[in-house]
Structures are given as C-alpha cells and as structure tokens.
Amino acid sequence: MTRTQRAARKPELEHELLRDPRLGFEPAGGGTVRCLQHGVPWPFDCWHYHDEYELQIINRTTGQAFVGNHIGRFEPGYVALVGARLPHTWISDDVPPDGIADRSMVIHFREEPLRKGSALFPEIDAVLPMLDRARRGIEFFGIGELARERFQRVQAHEGMARLAEFIGLLHELARWEDWRLISSEDEPSDGDPATSTRMRRVLDHLDEHLAEEISLASVSAIANMAESSFSRYFHRQMGSTFTEFVTRLRIAKACQMLQTSDRLVSDICYEVGFFNIANFNRRFLQHKGMTPSAYRQQAQERFGLRTVHYPPTTPVKPQSAWS
C-alpha cells in the first residue's frame, strides 16, 4: 500500500464549510451549543473528527459504532459523548430503501467556554471530570429516554435558556453512574488487555486490506486463534459473523463513495473489495434495498450535494471472489 493510499484512510476533518443548513446544521456563531437531528443515508457517516465535543443519541436503527480504537454495536437508546478530535462514526445496518429521517439527535459544543465558565461559576466544576473522560469517548447505559427528552428541551430554547438547559443535561450525564470508556488502550472494555490488542490487530488488518482478498484463515492467524475459535470470538465481540461484518464494512465504504464522488460504480465495486460487479450489485441490493446507482441518485436528491470529481482510474481487481 502506498503512502497516498494510507493517507486516504485517515479520519476526515468535518470542516465548518461542509455543515450545510440543508443537512440540518444550525448556523455557526449562534451560541455555545448547536443541535442537529439527521437520518440515514447521511453524508457524514464516514470516519471523521471535529473540534467540538459531540453528544450522540440514537433514536432508530442498529449498527456499528466506531470511536477511536473501538468498534462495537449500537441500538435505539444508545448515548455517547465523544471528545474533541476523537475520530468516530456510526454506521446503521437496517436502513429501509426510503431511508430514515430521525436516526440521531446530536449536540456539538466546545470545551473552552465551560472551562472558562467554571472560574466564575464553581457549579460547572462538577462536569469537568466527565469532559476529561470523554476524550476517550463515554457510552452511557439506560439514559436514552432522559437524554432524548433533555435534547428536545435544549433544541427548543435559545440564548441563556438554551445554555441553562444544556448545563442541566451535562449535569444529568455527569452524575449518571452506569457508563464506560469507549476507546482506551489502558482500560479495554472487556477488562482483558490481550483481547483488546487482538481485536485491534484484526481491525487494523481489515482497514489496511479491505480492497483485497480477506480470508478467515488469514485473519484467524493474525488473531493467533484457530478458525472455529476466532469465529465464535468475533461473533461475540461484534454481534455478527466475520464474513457478514466485512461485507457491511465494504458496503458502508461504497455508500460513502457513492454519496461524495462521481466515481463509476464499477470502480467503486473493486475499490471496496468485491470481485465482480454482479456480486457487488447483488450484495448492495440485499443490504440497502436498492441498486448502487439508485442509492447515489437518492442521496444526491435528498441532500443536494455536489460530488467530488476524480480522474478516471484503472481498477485493480482482487484475485478472489471472497466477500
């Protein structure tokens, strides 16, 4: 893999200029707290980061949560607080052909005003340890309904009233006892450093070689496990079979490219690791309920996005039909 190809897999900066109000973003400069509600498909369902903290509340769908060095499951009621510049994305699995309008409730806010405010208002000190923890990401359990209700109150207000509601939401999160760090090399989610290291090696391999042949045998060897043991282990950790997980990763990557580029569908097919266009179209239809071309048209009509134009390339086909 070339240096350029490696760079393409790094998380993307979600620049302010991309936050089009047509996508649900509130205008910049309006206050400390910005609320956003969006559905799927969604242009920013890609590996990205930004300078604000993000509170993510999932209303509908299940799927894969990617936060820092963690990949796990999410479902309705999932609540996570992600620190500034911590890479993240949430990829839904069960999206119907016509999409979903209300998958996520999101709040973006910057840390600096809260830090400075604590010097004047000592009550804010109570939330600062939580902000420190959120640099690794925090997942909260059993707080989904409360978080949704609080979000609606924040979004419904402006000015000082919005700020007061937001501080109240942070207070609820800071005193909630059922939580875990999401991305941490020192404190893996299952308490087993060997397991964390093993899964990280596997995920790094998938990231590096998604466009190539990926066999169960080769990845089991990376994990230093027998194939049968690895299959059970992977299903327990990720909630799906290894083959199905790789297919979902490839389809998710294809969706991102279809939404944001004008690349030929055949080029995208090979770039995400499918051996032939017929197999790609069949798998895409199974997962998304429509063809890749129809998905691209629907995404562009819904979001009115301008695609990035790439020069024609000669795709390199994988050597196997495994996918």
Protein backbone atom coordinates (compact mmCIF):
# COMPACT_ATOMS: atom_id res chain seq x y z
CA MET A 1 0.00 0.00 0.00
CA THR A 2 1.37 3.40 -0.98
CA ARG A 3 1.72 6.36 1.36
CA THR A 4 -1.10 8.10 -0.54
CA GLN A 5 -3.43 5.14 -0.04
CA ARG A 6 -2.63 5.07 3.66
CA ALA A 7 -3.39 8.76 3.99
CA ALA A 8 -6.80 8.24 2.36
CA ARG A 9 -7.83 6.00 5.26
CA LYS A 10 -7.17 8.62 7.93
CA PRO A 11 -10.20 10.27 9.57
CA GLU A 12 -11.51 13.29 7.74
CA LEU A 13 -11.93 16.72 9.33
CA GLU A 14 -15.58 17.76 9.39
CA HIS A 15 -14.93 21.34 8.31
CA GLU A 16 -17.39 24.10 9.18
CA LEU A 17 -17.82 24.91 5.49
CA LEU A 18 -19.37 21.47 4.94
CA ARG A 19 -22.07 21.95 7.58
CA ASP A 20 -24.83 22.96 5.22
CA PRO A 21 -28.10 24.08 6.89
CA ARG A 22 -29.90 21.90 4.32
CA LEU A 23 -28.45 18.93 6.21
CA GLY A 24 -29.94 20.13 9.49
CA PHE A 25 -26.96 22.05 10.90
CA GLU A 26 -27.71 25.19 12.85
CA PRO A 27 -25.78 28.28 11.67
CA ALA A 28 -22.34 28.84 13.19
CA GLY A 29 -21.85 31.63 15.70
CA GLY A 30 -25.31 31.41 17.17
CA GLY A 31 -24.19 30.25 20.60
CA THR A 32 -22.20 27.77 22.62
CA VAL A 33 -24.47 24.80 21.83
CA ARG A 34 -25.52 23.57 18.37
CA CYS A 35 -28.23 20.96 17.93
CA LEU A 36 -28.62 18.66 14.94
CA GLN A 37 -31.10 15.95 14.02
CA HIS A 38 -30.47 13.75 11.00
CA GLY A 39 -31.41 10.49 9.39
CA VAL A 40 -29.74 7.97 7.11
CA PRO A 41 -28.36 7.98 4.49
CA TRP A 42 -26.19 10.81 5.83
CA PRO A 43 -23.15 12.37 4.10
CA PHE A 44 -21.04 12.41 7.29
CA ASP A 45 -21.44 8.71 8.05
CA CYS A 46 -17.73 8.34 7.46
CA TRP A 47 -14.63 8.14 9.65
CA HIS A 48 -14.24 11.77 10.75
CA TYR A 49 -13.44 14.14 13.61
CA HIS A 50 -14.04 17.78 14.57
CA ASP A 51 -13.02 20.35 17.15
CA GLU A 52 -16.24 20.14 19.14
CA TYR A 53 -17.38 17.56 21.65
CA GLU A 54 -20.28 15.51 20.32
CA LEU A 55 -23.21 14.03 22.22
CA GLN A 56 -24.76 11.31 20.06
CA ILE A 57 -28.24 9.91 20.84
CA ILE A 58 -29.54 7.12 18.61
CA ASN A 59 -33.30 7.11 18.05
CA ARG A 60 -33.64 4.37 15.44
CA THR A 61 -31.63 1.60 13.74
CA THR A 62 -28.89 -0.71 14.93
CA GLY A 63 -25.36 -0.85 13.61
CA GLN A 64 -21.65 -0.44 14.23
CA ALA A 65 -20.16 2.28 16.46
CA PHE A 66 -16.63 3.34 15.50
CA VAL A 67 -15.00 5.53 18.18
CA GLY A 68 -11.22 5.85 18.46
CA ASN A 69 -9.80 2.32 18.54
CA HIS A 70 -13.19 0.78 19.38
CA ILE A 71 -15.77 -0.91 17.17
CA GLY A 72 -18.96 -2.08 18.85
CA ARG A 73 -22.73 -2.23 18.49
CA PHE A 74 -25.35 0.46 18.89
CA GLU A 75 -29.14 0.30 19.06
CA PRO A 76 -32.00 2.71 19.84
CA GLY A 77 -31.32 4.41 23.17
CA TYR A 78 -27.53 4.42 22.64
CA VAL A 79 -25.93 7.56 24.11
CA ALA A 80 -22.26 8.51 23.71
CA LEU A 81 -20.18 11.59 24.47
CA VAL A 82 -17.14 11.95 22.21
CA GLY A 83 -14.30 14.38 22.93
CA ALA A 84 -12.81 16.91 20.53
CA ARG A 85 -10.84 15.42 17.62
CA LEU A 86 -11.59 11.83 18.64
CA PRO A 87 -12.37 10.03 15.33
CA HIS A 88 -15.82 8.48 15.20
CA THR A 89 -18.78 7.42 13.09
CA TRP A 90 -21.97 5.42 13.46
CA ILE A 91 -22.94 3.15 10.55
CA SER A 92 -26.53 1.81 10.52
CA ASP A 93 -27.22 -1.70 9.23
CA ASP A 94 -31.01 -1.90 8.99
CA VAL A 95 -31.93 1.10 6.83
CA PRO A 96 -35.04 0.67 4.64
CA PRO A 97 -34.91 1.62 0.93
CA ASP A 98 -36.53 5.01 1.54
CA GLY A 99 -34.15 5.86 4.38
CA ILE A 100 -34.88 7.05 7.93
CA ALA A 101 -35.40 10.71 8.76
CA ASP A 102 -34.73 10.70 12.50
CA ARG A 103 -31.88 8.32 13.35
CA SER A 104 -29.79 10.65 15.52
CA MET A 105 -30.04 13.57 17.90
CA VAL A 106 -26.68 15.34 18.15
CA ILE A 107 -25.28 18.21 20.20
CA HIS A 108 -21.97 19.86 19.35
CA PHE A 109 -20.22 22.08 21.88
CA ARG A 110 -16.72 23.34 22.62
CA GLU A 111 -14.88 22.67 25.85
CA GLU A 112 -13.20 26.07 26.32
CA PRO A 113 -16.32 28.08 27.32
CA LEU A 114 -17.13 25.53 30.03
CA ARG A 115 -13.56 25.58 31.36
CA LYS A 116 -13.56 29.37 31.49
CA GLY A 117 -17.07 29.46 32.93
CA SER A 118 -16.06 27.24 35.82
CA ALA A 119 -13.81 30.05 37.08
CA LEU A 120 -16.89 32.22 37.53
CA PHE A 121 -19.44 29.53 38.31
CA PRO A 122 -17.95 26.78 40.52
CA GLU A 123 -21.03 24.62 39.91
CA ILE A 124 -19.67 23.83 36.45
CA ASP A 125 -16.68 22.10 38.05
CA ALA A 126 -18.87 19.02 38.53
CA VAL A 127 -18.92 18.26 34.79
CA LEU A 128 -15.21 18.83 34.06
CA PRO A 129 -14.05 15.31 35.05
CA MET A 130 -16.61 13.90 32.61
CA LEU A 131 -15.19 16.09 29.84
CA ASP A 132 -11.73 14.71 30.62
CA ARG A 133 -13.02 11.15 30.33
CA ALA A 134 -14.84 11.96 27.08
CA ARG A 135 -11.51 12.42 25.32
CA ARG A 136 -11.63 8.63 25.06
CA GLY A 137 -15.37 8.56 24.48
CA ILE A 138 -18.03 7.63 27.03
CA GLU A 139 -21.01 5.32 26.46
CA PHE A 140 -23.93 5.75 28.86
CA PHE A 141 -26.37 2.95 29.63
CA GLY A 142 -30.06 3.29 30.46
CA ILE A 143 -30.23 7.05 29.92
CA GLY A 144 -31.66 7.12 26.39
CA GLU A 145 -35.16 8.38 27.22
CA LEU A 146 -33.88 11.03 29.58
CA ALA A 147 -31.27 12.18 27.05
CA ARG A 148 -33.88 12.46 24.29
CA GLU A 149 -36.20 14.49 26.50
CA ARG A 150 -33.36 16.79 27.56
CA PHE A 151 -32.20 17.21 23.97
CA GLN A 152 -35.66 18.38 22.91
CA ARG A 153 -35.66 20.96 25.68
CA VAL A 154 -32.25 22.25 24.66
CA GLN A 155 -33.23 22.47 20.99
CA ALA A 156 -36.50 24.25 21.77
CA HIS A 157 -34.77 27.17 23.53
CA GLU A 158 -32.39 29.95 22.53
CA GLY A 159 -29.84 32.15 24.27
CA MET A 160 -29.46 31.85 28.03
CA ALA A 161 -32.44 29.48 28.26
CA ARG A 162 -30.73 27.04 25.87
CA LEU A 163 -27.46 27.28 27.79
CA ALA A 164 -29.27 26.59 31.07
CA GLU A 165 -30.98 23.52 29.61
CA PHE A 166 -27.68 22.30 28.21
CA ILE A 167 -25.89 22.66 31.56
CA GLY A 168 -28.75 20.69 33.07
CA LEU A 169 -28.20 17.91 30.52
CA LEU A 170 -24.47 17.82 31.26
CA HIS A 171 -25.29 17.64 34.97
CA GLU A 172 -27.50 14.58 34.38
CA LEU A 173 -24.77 12.87 32.38
CA ALA A 174 -22.03 13.73 34.87
CA ARG A 175 -23.91 12.17 37.78
CA TRP A 176 -25.05 9.07 35.83
CA GLU A 177 -23.35 6.03 37.30
CA ASP A 178 -23.75 3.44 34.53
CA TRP A 179 -21.14 4.26 31.88
CA ARG A 180 -17.91 3.01 30.35
CA LEU A 181 -14.97 4.42 28.44
CA ILE A 182 -15.26 3.52 24.78
CA SER A 183 -11.75 3.94 23.39
CA SER A 184 -8.92 3.18 25.79
CA GLU A 185 -5.70 1.21 25.48
CA ASP A 186 -5.28 1.24 29.26
CA GLU A 187 -8.82 0.17 30.14
CA PRO A 188 -10.24 -2.12 27.41
CA SER A 189 -13.99 -2.51 27.52
CA ASP A 190 -13.90 -6.21 28.38
CA GLY A 191 -11.17 -5.90 31.01
CA ASP A 192 -8.77 -8.11 29.08
CA PRO A 193 -5.76 -6.31 27.54
CA ALA A 194 -4.95 -9.35 25.37
CA THR A 195 -8.44 -9.28 23.87
CA SER A 196 -8.20 -5.55 23.13
CA THR A 197 -4.83 -5.98 21.41
CA ARG A 198 -6.04 -8.96 19.40
CA MET A 199 -9.16 -7.21 18.11
CA ARG A 200 -7.17 -4.09 17.31
CA ARG A 201 -4.78 -6.16 15.16
CA VAL A 202 -7.74 -7.67 13.32
CA LEU A 203 -9.45 -4.33 12.72
CA ASP A 204 -6.20 -2.71 11.60
CA HIS A 205 -5.75 -5.54 9.10
CA LEU A 206 -9.28 -5.07 7.75
CA ASP A 207 -8.72 -1.34 7.41
CA GLU A 208 -5.45 -1.82 5.54
CA HIS A 209 -6.65 -4.60 3.21
CA LEU A 210 -10.40 -4.02 2.72
CA ALA A 211 -9.95 -3.82 -1.08
CA GLU A 212 -8.10 -7.15 -1.19
CA GLU A 213 -8.92 -10.78 -0.60
CA ILE A 214 -9.52 -11.34 3.13
CA SER A 215 -9.84 -14.95 4.20
CA LEU A 216 -11.00 -16.22 7.56
CA ALA A 217 -7.84 -18.32 7.78
CA SER A 218 -5.50 -15.35 7.32
CA VAL A 219 -7.31 -13.17 9.88
CA SER A 220 -7.52 -16.04 12.37
CA ALA A 221 -3.76 -16.34 12.10
CA ILE A 222 -3.38 -12.62 12.85
CA ALA A 223 -5.50 -13.14 15.96
CA ASN A 224 -3.41 -16.24 16.81
CA MET A 225 -6.56 -18.37 17.10
CA ALA A 226 -8.00 -21.42 15.40
CA GLU A 227 -10.62 -20.57 12.79
CA SER A 228 -13.52 -22.06 14.77
CA SER A 229 -12.46 -20.28 17.97
CA PHE A 230 -11.95 -17.00 16.14
CA SER A 231 -15.38 -17.22 14.51
CA ARG A 232 -17.06 -17.61 17.90
CA TYR A 233 -14.91 -14.88 19.44
CA PHE A 234 -15.60 -12.42 16.63
CA HIS A 235 -19.34 -13.01 16.72
CA ARG A 236 -19.36 -12.47 20.48
CA GLN A 237 -17.39 -9.22 20.19
CA MET A 238 -19.03 -7.70 17.12
CA GLY A 239 -22.54 -9.17 17.04
CA SER A 240 -22.22 -10.69 13.54
CA THR A 241 -20.23 -13.28 11.66
CA PHE A 242 -16.84 -12.29 10.33
CA THR A 243 -17.95 -12.60 6.70
CA GLU A 244 -21.05 -10.51 7.26
CA PHE A 245 -19.07 -7.84 9.14
CA VAL A 246 -16.56 -7.46 6.29
CA THR A 247 -19.39 -7.24 3.76
CA ARG A 248 -21.04 -4.49 5.82
CA LEU A 249 -17.76 -2.58 6.00
CA ARG A 250 -17.42 -2.80 2.24
CA ILE A 251 -21.00 -1.72 1.61
CA ALA A 252 -20.59 1.18 4.07
CA LYS A 253 -17.42 2.30 2.26
CA ALA A 254 -19.22 2.03 -1.07
CA CYS A 255 -22.10 4.15 0.25
CA GLN A 256 -19.66 6.85 1.32
CA MET A 257 -18.05 6.91 -2.13
CA LEU A 258 -21.41 6.91 -3.91
CA GLN A 259 -22.58 9.87 -1.84
CA THR A 260 -19.48 12.02 -2.19
CA SER A 261 -17.85 11.20 -5.54
CA ASP A 262 -18.67 10.71 -9.20
CA ARG A 263 -16.60 7.52 -9.49
CA LEU A 264 -18.04 4.81 -11.72
CA VAL A 265 -19.95 2.14 -9.84
CA SER A 266 -17.64 -0.47 -11.35
CA ASP A 267 -14.59 1.37 -9.96
CA ILE A 268 -16.15 1.59 -6.52
CA CYS A 269 -17.00 -2.11 -6.66
CA TYR A 270 -13.34 -3.11 -6.95
CA GLU A 271 -12.03 -0.42 -4.60
CA VAL A 272 -14.11 -1.75 -1.71
CA GLY A 273 -13.09 -5.36 -2.27
CA PHE A 274 -15.75 -7.04 -4.44
CA PHE A 275 -14.54 -9.28 -7.23
CA ASN A 276 -17.19 -8.52 -9.83
CA ILE A 277 -19.95 -6.02 -10.45
CA ALA A 278 -22.75 -8.60 -10.41
CA ASN A 279 -21.79 -9.78 -6.91
CA PHE A 280 -21.43 -6.17 -5.73
CA ASN A 281 -24.86 -5.20 -7.07
CA ARG A 282 -26.45 -8.27 -5.51
CA ARG A 283 -24.92 -7.67 -2.06
CA PHE A 284 -25.68 -3.95 -2.20
CA LEU A 285 -29.31 -4.67 -3.04
CA GLN A 286 -29.54 -7.14 -0.15
CA HIS A 287 -28.20 -4.61 2.35
CA LYS A 288 -29.69 -1.36 1.05
CA GLY A 289 -32.81 -2.47 -0.80
CA MET A 290 -31.75 -0.67 -3.99
CA THR A 291 -29.01 -0.67 -6.59
CA PRO A 292 -25.84 1.41 -6.11
CA SER A 293 -26.95 3.80 -8.86
CA ALA A 294 -30.35 4.29 -7.25
CA TYR A 295 -28.69 4.86 -3.88
CA ARG A 296 -26.43 7.55 -5.36
CA GLN A 297 -29.36 9.31 -7.03
CA GLN A 298 -31.47 9.23 -3.86
CA ALA A 299 -28.61 10.56 -1.71
CA GLN A 300 -27.91 13.42 -4.10
CA GLU A 301 -31.59 14.32 -4.44
CA ARG A 302 -32.11 14.23 -0.68
CA PHE A 303 -29.04 16.23 0.31
CA GLY A 304 -28.39 18.28 -2.81
CA LEU A 305 -24.67 17.58 -2.51
CA ARG A 306 -22.00 18.44 -5.05
CA THR A 307 -19.83 15.45 -5.77
CA VAL A 308 -16.04 15.48 -5.89
CA HIS A 309 -14.74 14.71 -9.39
CA TYR A 310 -11.93 12.22 -9.71
CA PRO A 311 -9.90 11.41 -12.83
CA PRO A 312 -10.61 8.04 -14.45
CA THR A 313 -8.65 5.18 -12.98
CA THR A 314 -7.99 1.60 -13.96
CA PRO A 315 -9.37 -0.57 -11.16
CA VAL A 316 -7.23 -3.36 -9.76
CA LYS A 317 -9.35 -6.45 -9.37
CA PRO A 318 -8.86 -8.74 -6.35
CA GLN A 319 -7.64 -12.23 -7.03
CA SER A 320 -10.60 -13.97 -5.36
CA ALA A 321 -14.37 -13.74 -5.31
CA TRP A 322 -14.42 -13.89 -1.48
CA SER A 323 -16.50 -11.10 0.01
